[in-house]
């Protein structure tokens, strides 16, 4: 195939499908789109650990991302996962663009930096929001990208349109709607990701470079670790919270979030938790 900006020609599709446990047929259709999305979020955690290990670069080239997430069994933060997911969709033959969103759920700020990136897939005359990297409150499968669209089930979501023109993705939990992020469909390119990546890694106001943030979305339970606080979400229930001690924090990446760490990474995490 002729490679594109999304590098579909360079993705190891068989290895990716094995990593996420996807065993269905693969084609540029809605069934595949839904199945890949669900498999990805079930298998691959949001992981900001590299930013805590003193590393000065989190590479976004496809080879590095595949090596980390697919071969090493790590998670990745939003930008890494979007690079991987986009390459996979490109390889299969989907048509899509990327856009950036302003996270609201933890800040309530509607005009903060647009740090979250997701994909808009065009398929059979409809558009679908494909977002595998938002974490514990995020989508488990694509939602139709249209005003007042809903995705119902154990985990429910909707999309609303604000007078400003921004779309807002909302998580419909037992306590009522929670705004996840607002966005427009202004197209972003991989070159834009590098700027966002640098901010997330180095800026003093980045939410990802000073505390551990791990998230995983599975059908029956979702987990979010922010600092030492572990949140557990189950369908139809209010979130439950507990504080983890140092030993639990060291074991949490593998035991709770399914992240494989090399011995050197475990030591780096221990050093971070010990503090200066």
Protein backbone atom coordinates (compact mmCIF):
# COMPACT_ATOMS: atom_id res chain seq x y z
CA UNK A 1 0.00 0.00 0.00
CA UNK A 2 1.03 3.63 -0.38
CA UNK A 3 1.93 4.93 3.07
CA UNK A 4 0.15 8.00 4.40
CA UNK A 5 0.79 10.57 7.08
CA UNK A 6 -0.67 8.05 9.56
CA UNK A 7 1.95 5.42 8.68
CA UNK A 8 -0.44 2.53 8.20
CA UNK A 9 2.12 0.77 6.05
CA UNK A 10 4.45 0.52 9.02
CA UNK A 11 2.10 -0.99 11.57
CA UNK A 12 2.44 -4.64 12.59
CA UNK A 13 -1.27 -5.37 12.41
CA UNK A 14 -1.05 -9.01 13.51
CA UNK A 15 0.99 -8.06 16.60
CA UNK A 16 -1.45 -5.27 17.47
CA UNK A 17 -4.48 -7.55 17.12
CA UNK A 18 -2.79 -10.10 19.36
CA UNK A 19 -1.90 -7.41 21.92
CA UNK A 20 -5.52 -6.26 22.23
CA UNK A 21 -7.00 -9.76 21.92
CA UNK A 22 -9.09 -9.01 18.81
CA UNK A 23 -10.08 -12.20 17.00
CA UNK A 24 -12.81 -11.09 14.60
CA UNK A 25 -12.67 -10.34 10.91
CA UNK A 26 -10.93 -7.10 9.96
CA UNK A 27 -12.44 -4.77 7.37
CA UNK A 28 -13.18 -1.07 7.03
CA UNK A 29 -16.68 -1.46 8.47
CA UNK A 30 -18.61 -0.52 11.61
CA UNK A 31 -18.34 -3.96 13.18
CA UNK A 32 -14.54 -3.83 13.02
CA UNK A 33 -14.48 -0.23 14.25
CA UNK A 34 -16.53 -1.13 17.32
CA UNK A 35 -14.64 -4.33 18.00
CA UNK A 36 -11.20 -2.74 17.74
CA UNK A 37 -12.20 0.15 20.00
CA UNK A 38 -13.55 -2.14 22.72
CA UNK A 39 -10.54 -4.46 22.51
CA UNK A 40 -8.04 -1.59 22.67
CA UNK A 41 -9.46 0.09 25.78
CA UNK A 42 -9.86 -3.27 27.53
CA UNK A 43 -6.21 -4.23 26.94
CA UNK A 44 -4.17 -1.01 26.90
CA UNK A 45 -4.00 1.31 29.88
CA UNK A 46 -3.39 5.04 30.01
CA UNK A 47 0.13 5.28 31.42
CA UNK A 48 2.18 8.44 32.14
CA UNK A 49 5.07 6.62 33.82
CA UNK A 50 7.78 7.71 31.38
CA UNK A 51 7.18 11.31 32.44
CA UNK A 52 7.96 10.31 36.04
CA UNK A 53 11.11 8.32 35.26
CA UNK A 54 13.21 11.37 34.39
CA UNK A 55 13.03 10.73 30.66
CA UNK A 56 13.41 13.84 28.56
CA UNK A 57 11.58 12.47 25.52
CA UNK A 58 8.45 10.40 24.99
CA UNK A 59 8.89 9.49 21.31
CA UNK A 60 5.83 9.54 19.05
CA UNK A 61 7.26 7.81 15.99
CA UNK A 62 5.33 4.66 15.16
CA UNK A 63 8.27 2.28 15.68
CA UNK A 64 8.85 3.57 19.22
CA UNK A 65 5.15 3.51 20.08
CA UNK A 66 4.72 -0.04 18.77
CA UNK A 67 7.78 -1.21 20.65
CA UNK A 68 6.54 0.25 23.91
CA UNK A 69 2.83 -0.58 23.79
CA UNK A 70 2.63 -3.65 21.55
CA UNK A 71 5.91 -5.47 22.19
CA UNK A 72 6.77 -4.42 25.75
CA UNK A 73 3.21 -4.59 27.06
CA UNK A 74 3.22 -1.05 28.41
CA UNK A 75 0.39 1.46 28.27
CA UNK A 76 0.79 4.94 26.88
CA UNK A 77 -0.63 8.38 27.23
CA UNK A 78 -3.14 9.88 24.84
CA UNK A 79 -0.78 10.95 22.07
CA UNK A 80 1.08 7.65 21.92
CA UNK A 81 -2.14 5.67 21.77
CA UNK A 82 -3.61 7.89 19.05
CA UNK A 83 -0.48 7.39 16.91
CA UNK A 84 -0.91 3.62 17.25
CA UNK A 85 -4.70 3.55 16.76
CA UNK A 86 -4.51 5.85 13.73
CA UNK A 87 -1.86 3.67 12.08
CA UNK A 88 -4.04 0.61 12.64
CA UNK A 89 -7.15 2.24 11.17
CA UNK A 90 -5.11 3.55 8.24
CA UNK A 91 -3.71 0.09 7.54
CA UNK A 92 -7.21 -1.41 7.51
CA UNK A 93 -8.50 1.28 5.15
CA UNK A 94 -10.62 3.61 7.28
CA UNK A 95 -10.96 7.31 6.42
CA UNK A 96 -10.49 9.65 9.37
CA UNK A 97 -9.06 12.88 10.72
CA UNK A 98 -7.69 13.84 14.14
CA UNK A 99 -8.90 16.65 16.39
CA UNK A 100 -8.01 18.01 19.83
CA UNK A 101 -10.28 18.42 22.86
CA UNK A 102 -10.18 20.48 26.06
CA UNK A 103 -10.56 18.21 29.08
CA UNK A 104 -13.22 19.36 31.54
CA UNK A 105 -13.92 16.49 33.91
CA UNK A 106 -11.12 17.12 36.40
CA UNK A 107 -10.83 20.88 36.01
CA UNK A 108 -14.25 22.19 34.99
CA UNK A 109 -12.32 24.58 32.77
CA UNK A 110 -13.90 25.01 29.35
CA UNK A 111 -11.01 27.02 27.90
CA UNK A 112 -7.98 25.09 29.11
CA UNK A 113 -5.31 23.78 26.72
CA UNK A 114 -6.53 21.31 24.11
CA UNK A 115 -4.33 18.40 25.16
CA UNK A 116 -6.56 15.43 24.38
CA UNK A 117 -6.55 14.02 20.84
CA UNK A 118 -9.08 11.66 19.26
CA UNK A 119 -10.23 10.60 15.80
CA UNK A 120 -13.26 11.33 13.64
CA UNK A 121 -13.94 8.36 11.36
CA UNK A 122 -16.09 8.76 8.25
CA UNK A 123 -17.96 5.61 7.34
CA UNK A 124 -20.97 5.04 5.07
CA UNK A 125 -22.01 8.68 5.17
CA UNK A 126 -21.77 9.02 8.97
CA UNK A 127 -19.08 10.28 11.32
CA UNK A 128 -17.96 8.40 14.44
CA UNK A 129 -15.97 9.59 17.43
CA UNK A 130 -13.19 7.04 17.94
CA UNK A 131 -11.39 7.71 21.21
CA UNK A 132 -9.38 4.91 22.79
CA UNK A 133 -7.20 6.97 25.13
CA UNK A 134 -9.32 9.13 27.42
CA UNK A 135 -9.10 6.66 30.28
CA UNK A 136 -11.44 5.56 33.04
CA UNK A 137 -14.37 7.79 32.11
CA UNK A 138 -13.92 7.37 28.35
CA UNK A 139 -15.82 5.59 25.62
CA UNK A 140 -15.81 1.80 25.38
CA UNK A 141 -16.86 1.91 21.73
CA UNK A 142 -17.34 4.64 19.11
CA UNK A 143 -20.25 7.05 19.39
CA UNK A 144 -21.95 8.57 16.36
CA UNK A 145 -20.61 12.08 15.97
CA UNK A 146 -23.85 14.02 15.72
CA UNK A 147 -25.76 16.44 17.91
CA UNK A 148 -27.69 14.66 20.70
CA UNK A 149 -26.18 11.27 19.85
CA UNK A 150 -26.30 8.69 22.66
CA UNK A 151 -24.46 5.50 23.46
CA UNK A 152 -26.47 3.49 25.98
CA UNK A 153 -25.55 0.44 28.01
CA UNK A 154 -23.80 -0.35 31.28
CA UNK A 155 -21.68 2.72 30.51
CA UNK A 156 -23.66 5.48 28.81
CA UNK A 157 -22.57 8.64 27.00
CA UNK A 158 -24.02 11.41 24.92
CA UNK A 159 -22.85 14.27 22.73
CA UNK A 160 -24.29 17.76 23.02
CA UNK A 161 -23.61 20.90 21.01
CA UNK A 162 -22.98 24.19 22.79
CA UNK A 163 -23.94 27.62 21.39
CA UNK A 164 -20.21 28.21 20.81
CA UNK A 165 -20.27 25.39 18.28
CA UNK A 166 -18.21 23.01 20.43
CA UNK A 167 -19.26 19.40 20.76
CA UNK A 168 -19.16 18.07 24.34
CA UNK A 169 -18.80 14.39 25.17
CA UNK A 170 -20.54 13.52 28.45
CA UNK A 171 -20.37 10.45 30.68
CA UNK A 172 -23.85 9.61 31.98
CA UNK A 173 -23.18 8.24 35.44
CA UNK A 174 -25.49 7.58 38.39
CA UNK A 175 -24.81 11.08 39.73
CA UNK A 176 -25.81 12.72 36.45
CA UNK A 177 -23.95 13.85 33.31
CA UNK A 178 -20.25 14.62 33.64
CA UNK A 179 -18.64 16.67 30.86
CA UNK A 180 -15.50 14.89 29.67
CA UNK A 181 -14.18 17.28 27.04
CA UNK A 182 -15.25 19.86 24.50
CA UNK A 183 -13.97 19.94 20.93
CA UNK A 184 -14.35 21.18 17.42
CA UNK A 185 -13.40 19.19 14.36
CA UNK A 186 -10.52 21.43 13.31
CA UNK A 187 -8.06 19.00 11.81
CA UNK A 188 -4.85 18.18 13.68
CA UNK A 189 -1.84 16.46 12.16
CA UNK A 190 0.94 14.32 13.65
CA UNK A 191 3.22 17.37 13.60
CA UNK A 192 0.78 19.06 16.02
CA UNK A 193 1.11 16.10 18.40
CA UNK A 194 4.77 16.91 19.03
CA UNK A 195 3.88 20.29 20.53
CA UNK A 196 1.23 18.77 22.79
CA UNK A 197 3.63 16.00 23.75
CA UNK A 198 6.29 18.51 24.78
CA UNK A 199 3.78 20.40 26.93
CA UNK A 200 2.60 17.22 28.68
CA UNK A 201 6.15 16.12 29.39
CA UNK A 202 7.79 19.38 30.44
CA UNK A 203 5.36 22.17 31.31
CA UNK A 204 4.91 22.99 35.02
CA UNK A 205 1.12 23.06 34.56
CA UNK A 206 1.00 19.68 32.84
CA UNK A 207 -1.27 17.27 34.72
CA UNK A 208 0.96 14.34 33.77
CA UNK A 209 4.56 15.04 34.84
CA UNK A 210 4.38 15.28 38.63
CA UNK A 211 2.17 12.40 39.81
CA UNK A 212 1.29 8.90 38.66
CA UNK A 213 -1.80 8.77 36.43
CA UNK A 214 -2.92 5.31 35.35
CA UNK A 215 -6.31 4.48 33.88
CA UNK A 216 -7.98 1.40 32.45
CA UNK A 217 -11.41 0.82 30.97
CA UNK A 218 -12.81 -2.70 31.15
CA UNK A 219 -16.40 -3.89 30.65
CA UNK A 220 -17.14 -4.62 34.30
CA UNK A 221 -14.90 -2.14 36.12
CA UNK A 222 -12.84 0.97 35.45
CA UNK A 223 -9.86 2.14 37.48
CA UNK A 224 -8.20 5.54 37.78
CA UNK A 225 -5.07 6.11 39.86
CA UNK A 226 -4.16 9.77 40.39
CA UNK A 227 -1.24 10.19 42.76
CA UNK A 228 -1.97 7.72 45.54
CA UNK A 229 -5.77 7.78 45.20
CA UNK A 230 -7.38 4.84 43.42
CA UNK A 231 -10.91 5.30 42.06
CA UNK A 232 -12.99 2.27 41.10
CA UNK A 233 -16.04 2.72 38.88
CA UNK A 234 -18.70 0.08 38.33
CA UNK A 235 -21.88 0.37 36.25
CA UNK A 236 -24.70 2.12 38.06
CA UNK A 237 -22.71 2.84 41.22
CA UNK A 238 -21.01 5.87 42.65
CA UNK A 239 -17.23 5.79 42.38
CA UNK A 240 -15.35 4.22 45.31
CA UNK A 241 -12.02 5.70 46.45
CA UNK A 242 -9.14 4.47 48.57
CA UNK A 243 -5.58 5.53 49.30
CA UNK A 244 -2.75 3.19 48.33
CA UNK A 245 0.45 2.71 50.29
CA UNK A 246 3.88 2.62 48.66
CA UNK A 247 3.95 -1.16 48.16
CA UNK A 248 0.50 -1.06 46.57
CA UNK A 249 1.57 1.79 44.31
CA UNK A 250 4.56 -0.25 43.13
CA UNK A 251 2.39 -3.25 42.30
CA UNK A 252 -0.59 -1.32 40.91
CA UNK A 253 0.71 -0.89 37.33
CA UNK A 254 0.81 -4.65 36.76
CA UNK A 255 -1.83 -5.96 39.15
CA UNK A 256 -4.58 -3.39 38.52
CA UNK A 257 -3.74 -1.86 35.15
CA UNK A 258 -2.11 -4.75 33.29
CA UNK A 259 1.09 -2.80 32.54
CA UNK A 260 4.30 -4.80 32.12
CA UNK A 261 7.32 -2.99 33.61
CA UNK A 262 10.96 -3.90 33.15
CA UNK A 263 13.02 -4.24 36.35
CA UNK A 264 14.69 -0.91 35.64
CA UNK A 265 11.28 0.76 35.34
CA UNK A 266 10.21 -0.70 38.68
CA UNK A 267 13.33 0.77 40.27
CA UNK A 268 12.66 4.13 38.61
CA UNK A 269 9.10 4.09 39.95
CA UNK A 270 10.37 3.23 43.43
CA UNK A 271 12.81 6.15 43.26
CA UNK A 272 10.01 8.50 42.20
CA UNK A 273 7.77 7.34 45.05
CA UNK A 274 10.61 7.78 47.55
CA UNK A 275 10.77 11.45 46.54
CA UNK A 276 13.73 13.82 46.46
